Amino acid sequence: MNDKIREIVEEIEAMKLKLTEEIALQESHISYEIKNGYVTFEKEVLARQKENMKNLLTWFGEVPLLHFLAAPIIYGMVLPAILFDVLLFVYQQVAFRIFKFTFIKRSDYMHFDHHYLGYLNPIEKLNCLYCSYFNGLMLYASAIAGRTELYFCPIKHAKKVISQHNYYDEFLSYGDEEEYQKKLKELRENPQK
């Protein structure tokens, strides 16, 4: 990666940080704390949230029939997801040890905190649990695959991809055979990234 591209990447990272700060400022009126991994709300806030929760009868009455029919297909994906999760664990335990990669922390991608929200009924909380798990699992898998790709095939695609993992910026330019031979060894000698 040349100096100009590295500079732009650093500017993007700085803008992401600025965006995160601005979102936090916008959400600052919502009062909660995170202590030891647990989210806590002030009693008044939690009471207001519970007032806005739809009871199950109302909620079930508003759900379209097609949603009920699709539920077994959607929730049926839990079993392959759990199997995939186990396989990712085994893969990382074996391959990352062999190649001396730093382990990807699953907990960086799996966040289960929607059950603290008082305005969600039990079914909505279950739905949130499913989405948090499944989307976290996909991000976790992408990080593991990205770290593996950095070692075995760190070449950017000719066609631009809509989303990249954290290692993509380190990849080598598509079609640049001289840089590939020179930089591949360099990337492989630095396995702790």
C-alpha atoms as a PDB file:
ATOM      1  CA  MET A   1       0.000   0.000   0.000  1.00  0.00           C
ATOM      2  CA  ASN A   2       1.528   3.333  -1.002  1.00  0.00           C
ATOM      3  CA  ASP A   3       1.765   6.337   1.325  1.00  0.00           C
ATOM      4  CA  LYS A   4      -1.166   8.221  -0.263  1.00  0.00           C
ATOM      5  CA  ILE A   5      -3.517   5.244   0.112  1.00  0.00           C
ATOM      6  CA  ARG A   6      -2.307   4.659   3.700  1.00  0.00           C
ATOM      7  CA  GLU A   7      -3.002   8.335   4.451  1.00  0.00           C
ATOM      8  CA  ILE A   8      -6.536   8.061   3.044  1.00  0.00           C
ATOM      9  CA  VAL A   9      -7.155   4.861   5.040  1.00  0.00           C
ATOM     10  CA  GLU A  10      -6.002   6.672   8.206  1.00  0.00           C
ATOM     11  CA  GLU A  11      -8.360   9.571   7.396  1.00  0.00           C
ATOM     12  CA  ILE A  12     -11.230   7.095   6.951  1.00  0.00           C
ATOM     13  CA  GLU A  13     -10.428   5.485  10.311  1.00  0.00           C
ATOM     14  CA  ALA A  14     -10.356   8.939  11.941  1.00  0.00           C
ATOM     15  CA  MET A  15     -13.735   9.755  10.345  1.00  0.00           C
ATOM     16  CA  LYS A  16     -15.170   6.442  11.605  1.00  0.00           C
ATOM     17  CA  LEU A  17     -14.048   7.391  15.112  1.00  0.00           C
ATOM     18  CA  LYS A  18     -15.597  10.845  14.708  1.00  0.00           C
ATOM     19  CA  LEU A  19     -18.834   9.227  13.477  1.00  0.00           C
ATOM     20  CA  THR A  20     -18.879   6.892  16.490  1.00  0.00           C
ATOM     21  CA  GLU A  21     -18.434   9.874  18.818  1.00  0.00           C
ATOM     22  CA  GLU A  22     -21.225  11.798  17.078  1.00  0.00           C
ATOM     23  CA  ILE A  23     -23.608   8.833  17.310  1.00  0.00           C
ATOM     24  CA  ALA A  24     -22.749   8.478  21.010  1.00  0.00           C
ATOM     25  CA  LEU A  25     -23.488  12.178  21.509  1.00  0.00           C
ATOM     26  CA  GLN A  26     -26.833  11.797  19.703  1.00  0.00           C
ATOM     27  CA  GLU A  27     -27.716   8.807  21.899  1.00  0.00           C
ATOM     28  CA  SER A  28     -26.524  10.427  25.133  1.00  0.00           C
ATOM     29  CA  HIS A  29     -30.123  11.204  26.184  1.00  0.00           C
ATOM     30  CA  ILE A  30     -30.682   7.464  26.640  1.00  0.00           C
ATOM     31  CA  SER A  31     -29.370   6.782  30.088  1.00  0.00           C
ATOM     32  CA  TYR A  32     -27.787   3.406  30.690  1.00  0.00           C
ATOM     33  CA  GLU A  33     -24.521   2.112  32.069  1.00  0.00           C
ATOM     34  CA  ILE A  34     -22.449  -0.942  31.303  1.00  0.00           C
ATOM     35  CA  LYS A  35     -20.937  -2.516  34.418  1.00  0.00           C
ATOM     36  CA  ASN A  36     -19.028  -5.800  34.243  1.00  0.00           C
ATOM     37  CA  GLY A  37     -20.649  -6.562  30.884  1.00  0.00           C
ATOM     38  CA  TYR A  38     -24.200  -5.965  32.140  1.00  0.00           C
ATOM     39  CA  VAL A  39     -26.389  -3.114  30.940  1.00  0.00           C
ATOM     40  CA  THR A  40     -28.323  -1.272  33.615  1.00  0.00           C
ATOM     41  CA  PHE A  41     -30.962   1.403  33.246  1.00  0.00           C
ATOM     42  CA  GLU A  42     -32.221   3.810  35.848  1.00  0.00           C
ATOM     43  CA  LYS A  43     -35.456   2.529  37.383  1.00  0.00           C
ATOM     44  CA  GLU A  44     -37.532   5.361  35.866  1.00  0.00           C
ATOM     45  CA  VAL A  45     -36.118   4.674  32.383  1.00  0.00           C
ATOM     46  CA  LEU A  46     -36.814   0.954  32.668  1.00  0.00           C
ATOM     47  CA  ALA A  47     -40.347   1.669  33.915  1.00  0.00           C
ATOM     48  CA  ARG A  48     -40.986   3.935  30.886  1.00  0.00           C
ATOM     49  CA  GLN A  49     -39.645   1.231  28.581  1.00  0.00           C
ATOM     50  CA  LYS A  50     -41.947  -1.399  30.086  1.00  0.00           C
ATOM     51  CA  GLU A  51     -44.921   0.927  29.531  1.00  0.00           C
ATOM     52  CA  ASN A  52     -44.080   0.906  25.816  1.00  0.00           C
ATOM     53  CA  MET A  53     -43.823  -2.886  25.529  1.00  0.00           C
ATOM     54  CA  LYS A  54     -46.537  -4.562  23.444  1.00  0.00           C
ATOM     55  CA  ASN A  55     -48.170  -7.421  25.277  1.00  0.00           C
ATOM     56  CA  LEU A  56     -47.991 -10.787  23.562  1.00  0.00           C
ATOM     57  CA  LEU A  57     -51.677 -10.920  22.548  1.00  0.00           C
ATOM     58  CA  THR A  58     -51.448  -7.562  20.786  1.00  0.00           C
ATOM     59  CA  TRP A  59     -48.138  -8.481  19.237  1.00  0.00           C
ATOM     60  CA  PHE A  60     -49.364 -11.862  17.919  1.00  0.00           C
ATOM     61  CA  GLY A  61     -52.479 -10.156  16.561  1.00  0.00           C
ATOM     62  CA  GLU A  62     -50.370  -7.783  14.467  1.00  0.00           C
ATOM     63  CA  VAL A  63     -47.976 -10.355  12.998  1.00  0.00           C
ATOM     64  CA  PRO A  64     -48.843 -11.227   9.379  1.00  0.00           C
ATOM     65  CA  LEU A  65     -49.596 -14.900   8.671  1.00  0.00           C
ATOM     66  CA  LEU A  66     -46.656 -15.174   6.258  1.00  0.00           C
ATOM     67  CA  HIS A  67     -44.296 -14.280   9.123  1.00  0.00           C
ATOM     68  CA  PHE A  68     -45.565 -17.257  11.098  1.00  0.00           C
ATOM     69  CA  LEU A  69     -45.155 -19.506   8.076  1.00  0.00           C
ATOM     70  CA  ALA A  70     -41.587 -18.305   7.481  1.00  0.00           C
ATOM     71  CA  ALA A  71     -40.552 -18.710  11.140  1.00  0.00           C
ATOM     72  CA  PRO A  72     -39.643 -22.449  10.911  1.00  0.00           C
ATOM     73  CA  ILE A  73     -37.362 -21.749   7.943  1.00  0.00           C
ATOM     74  CA  ILE A  74     -35.720 -18.783   9.673  1.00  0.00           C
ATOM     75  CA  TYR A  75     -35.280 -20.494  13.028  1.00  0.00           C
ATOM     76  CA  GLY A  76     -34.287 -23.743  11.321  1.00  0.00           C
ATOM     77  CA  MET A  77     -31.029 -22.005  10.402  1.00  0.00           C
ATOM     78  CA  VAL A  78     -30.003 -22.128  14.076  1.00  0.00           C
ATOM     79  CA  LEU A  79     -28.801 -25.734  13.792  1.00  0.00           C
ATOM     80  CA  PRO A  80     -26.457 -25.145  10.814  1.00  0.00           C
ATOM     81  CA  ALA A  81     -25.278 -21.929  12.492  1.00  0.00           C
ATOM     82  CA  ILE A  82     -24.338 -23.778  15.687  1.00  0.00           C
ATOM     83  CA  LEU A  83     -22.529 -26.440  13.658  1.00  0.00           C
ATOM     84  CA  PHE A  84     -20.719 -23.690  11.726  1.00  0.00           C
ATOM     85  CA  ASP A  85     -19.792 -22.016  15.018  1.00  0.00           C
ATOM     86  CA  VAL A  86     -18.271 -25.260  16.316  1.00  0.00           C
ATOM     87  CA  LEU A  87     -16.374 -25.792  13.049  1.00  0.00           C
ATOM     88  CA  LEU A  88     -15.000 -22.228  13.223  1.00  0.00           C
ATOM     89  CA  PHE A  89     -13.756 -22.951  16.730  1.00  0.00           C
ATOM     90  CA  VAL A  90     -11.998 -26.140  15.598  1.00  0.00           C
ATOM     91  CA  TYR A  91     -10.603 -24.441  12.488  1.00  0.00           C
ATOM     92  CA  GLN A  92      -9.165 -21.591  14.514  1.00  0.00           C
ATOM     93  CA  GLN A  93      -7.710 -23.937  17.154  1.00  0.00           C
ATOM     94  CA  VAL A  94      -5.908 -25.955  14.493  1.00  0.00           C
ATOM     95  CA  ALA A  95      -5.025 -23.580  11.635  1.00  0.00           C
ATOM     96  CA  PHE A  96      -4.272 -20.483  13.697  1.00  0.00           C
ATOM     97  CA  ARG A  97      -1.912 -22.451  15.929  1.00  0.00           C
ATOM     98  CA  ILE A  98      -0.080 -23.953  12.940  1.00  0.00           C
ATOM     99  CA  PHE A  99       0.412 -20.580  11.240  1.00  0.00           C
ATOM    100  CA  LYS A 100       0.885 -18.658  14.517  1.00  0.00           C
ATOM    101  CA  PHE A 101      -1.938 -16.198  13.865  1.00  0.00           C
ATOM    102  CA  THR A 102      -3.385 -14.146  16.678  1.00  0.00           C
ATOM    103  CA  PHE A 103      -6.745 -15.660  17.612  1.00  0.00           C
ATOM    104  CA  ILE A 104      -9.901 -13.815  16.626  1.00  0.00           C
ATOM    105  CA  LYS A 105     -11.940 -13.185  19.766  1.00  0.00           C
ATOM    106  CA  ARG A 106     -15.489 -14.454  19.317  1.00  0.00           C
ATOM    107  CA  SER A 107     -16.678 -12.098  22.057  1.00  0.00           C
ATOM    108  CA  ASP A 108     -15.704  -9.108  19.898  1.00  0.00           C
ATOM    109  CA  TYR A 109     -18.444 -10.129  17.469  1.00  0.00           C
ATOM    110  CA  MET A 110     -21.110 -11.698  19.692  1.00  0.00           C
ATOM    111  CA  HIS A 111     -23.077  -9.133  21.679  1.00  0.00           C
ATOM    112  CA  PHE A 112     -26.231 -10.175  23.461  1.00  0.00           C
ATOM    113  CA  ASP A 113     -27.638  -7.092  25.130  1.00  0.00           C
ATOM    114  CA  HIS A 114     -31.126  -6.557  23.716  1.00  0.00           C
ATOM    115  CA  HIS A 115     -32.719  -8.594  26.499  1.00  0.00           C
ATOM    116  CA  TYR A 116     -32.034  -5.663  28.838  1.00  0.00           C
ATOM    117  CA  LEU A 117     -34.499  -3.497  26.889  1.00  0.00           C
ATOM    118  CA  GLY A 118     -37.749  -3.215  28.782  1.00  0.00           C
ATOM    119  CA  TYR A 119     -39.845  -2.321  25.718  1.00  0.00           C
ATOM    120  CA  LEU A 120     -39.279  -5.680  24.022  1.00  0.00           C
ATOM    121  CA  ASN A 121     -41.646  -8.543  24.802  1.00  0.00           C
ATOM    122  CA  PRO A 122     -40.252 -12.102  25.190  1.00  0.00           C
ATOM    123  CA  ILE A 123     -40.781 -12.999  21.500  1.00  0.00           C
ATOM    124  CA  GLU A 124     -39.052  -9.811  20.338  1.00  0.00           C
ATOM    125  CA  LYS A 125     -36.170 -10.563  22.705  1.00  0.00           C
ATOM    126  CA  LEU A 126     -35.898 -14.069  21.240  1.00  0.00           C
ATOM    127  CA  ASN A 127     -35.847 -12.582  17.731  1.00  0.00           C
ATOM    128  CA  CYS A 128     -33.104 -10.165  18.800  1.00  0.00           C
ATOM    129  CA  LEU A 129     -31.117 -13.021  20.323  1.00  0.00           C
ATOM    130  CA  TYR A 130     -31.333 -14.935  17.038  1.00  0.00           C
ATOM    131  CA  CYS A 131     -30.244 -11.927  14.941  1.00  0.00           C
ATOM    132  CA  SER A 132     -27.428 -10.974  17.324  1.00  0.00           C
ATOM    133  CA  TYR A 133     -26.083 -14.516  17.260  1.00  0.00           C
ATOM    134  CA  PHE A 134     -26.413 -15.061  13.532  1.00  0.00           C
ATOM    135  CA  ASN A 135     -25.014 -11.684  12.436  1.00  0.00           C
ATOM    136  CA  GLY A 136     -22.230 -11.869  15.025  1.00  0.00           C
ATOM    137  CA  LEU A 137     -21.356 -15.349  13.796  1.00  0.00           C
ATOM    138  CA  MET A 138     -21.105 -14.128  10.189  1.00  0.00           C
ATOM    139  CA  LEU A 139     -18.828 -11.229  11.190  1.00  0.00           C
ATOM    140  CA  TYR A 140     -16.702 -13.593  13.295  1.00  0.00           C
ATOM    141  CA  ALA A 141     -16.431 -16.020  10.350  1.00  0.00           C
ATOM    142  CA  SER A 142     -15.487 -13.153   8.034  1.00  0.00           C
ATOM    143  CA  ALA A 143     -12.706 -12.080  10.409  1.00  0.00           C
ATOM    144  CA  ILE A 144     -11.335 -15.635  10.574  1.00  0.00           C
ATOM    145  CA  ALA A 145     -11.520 -16.024   6.797  1.00  0.00           C
ATOM    146  CA  GLY A 146      -9.962 -12.595   6.288  1.00  0.00           C
ATOM    147  CA  ARG A 147      -7.018 -13.440   8.537  1.00  0.00           C
ATOM    148  CA  THR A 148      -6.550 -16.715   6.688  1.00  0.00           C
ATOM    149  CA  GLU A 149      -6.755 -14.946   3.329  1.00  0.00           C
ATOM    150  CA  LEU A 150      -4.105 -12.443   4.430  1.00  0.00           C
ATOM    151  CA  TYR A 151      -1.668 -15.348   4.656  1.00  0.00           C
ATOM    152  CA  PHE A 152      -2.662 -17.466   1.660  1.00  0.00           C
ATOM    153  CA  CYS A 153      -4.014 -15.074  -0.957  1.00  0.00           C
ATOM    154  CA  PRO A 154      -3.666 -11.403  -0.017  1.00  0.00           C
ATOM    155  CA  ILE A 155      -4.702 -10.004  -3.384  1.00  0.00           C
ATOM    156  CA  LYS A 156      -7.430  -7.429  -3.824  1.00  0.00           C
ATOM    157  CA  HIS A 157     -10.204  -8.225  -6.291  1.00  0.00           C
ATOM    158  CA  ALA A 158     -10.379  -6.589  -9.707  1.00  0.00           C
ATOM    159  CA  LYS A 159     -14.072  -5.909  -9.127  1.00  0.00           C
ATOM    160  CA  LYS A 160     -14.749  -3.770  -6.095  1.00  0.00           C
ATOM    161  CA  VAL A 161     -16.401  -5.573  -3.200  1.00  0.00           C
ATOM    162  CA  ILE A 162     -19.205  -3.941  -1.245  1.00  0.00           C
ATOM    163  CA  SER A 163     -17.717  -4.711   2.150  1.00  0.00           C
ATOM    164  CA  GLN A 164     -14.287  -5.790   3.274  1.00  0.00           C
ATOM    165  CA  HIS A 165     -12.855  -7.403   6.375  1.00  0.00           C
ATOM    166  CA  ASN A 166     -10.268  -5.568   8.473  1.00  0.00           C
ATOM    167  CA  TYR A 167      -7.305  -7.117   6.669  1.00  0.00           C
ATOM    168  CA  TYR A 168      -8.300  -6.126   3.134  1.00  0.00           C
ATOM    169  CA  ASP A 169      -6.416  -2.820   3.133  1.00  0.00           C
ATOM    170  CA  GLU A 170      -3.163  -4.759   3.606  1.00  0.00           C
ATOM    171  CA  PHE A 171      -3.824  -6.854   0.509  1.00  0.00           C
ATOM    172  CA  LEU A 172      -1.760  -6.427  -2.622  1.00  0.00           C
ATOM    173  CA  SER A 173      -3.013  -4.785  -5.799  1.00  0.00           C
ATOM    174  CA  TYR A 174      -4.716  -6.953  -8.380  1.00  0.00           C
ATOM    175  CA  GLY A 175      -2.374  -7.776 -11.275  1.00  0.00           C
ATOM    176  CA  ASP A 176       0.816  -6.452  -9.647  1.00  0.00           C
ATOM    177  CA  GLU A 177       3.025  -9.530  -9.942  1.00  0.00           C
ATOM    178  CA  GLU A 178       6.240  -7.804  -8.807  1.00  0.00           C
ATOM    179  CA  GLU A 179       4.729  -6.559  -5.539  1.00  0.00           C
ATOM    180  CA  TYR A 180       3.102  -9.942  -4.986  1.00  0.00           C
ATOM    181  CA  GLN A 181       6.368 -11.870  -5.012  1.00  0.00           C
ATOM    182  CA  LYS A 182       8.116  -9.242  -2.895  1.00  0.00           C
ATOM    183  CA  LYS A 183       5.379  -8.506  -0.338  1.00  0.00           C
ATOM    184  CA  LEU A 184       3.888 -11.989   0.110  1.00  0.00           C
ATOM    185  CA  LYS A 185       6.945 -13.152   2.034  1.00  0.00           C
ATOM    186  CA  GLU A 186       6.811  -9.975   4.138  1.00  0.00           C
ATOM    187  CA  LEU A 187       3.149 -10.537   5.010  1.00  0.00           C
ATOM    188  CA  ARG A 188       3.790 -14.187   5.909  1.00  0.00           C
ATOM    189  CA  GLU A 189       6.734 -13.329   8.134  1.00  0.00           C
ATOM    190  CA  ASN A 190       4.502 -11.086  10.228  1.00  0.00           C
ATOM    191  CA  PRO A 191       1.931 -13.674  11.393  1.00  0.00           C
ATOM    192  CA  GLN A 192       0.768 -11.855  14.545  1.00  0.00           C
ATOM    193  CA  LYS A 193      -1.289  -9.271  12.665  1.00  0.00           C
END
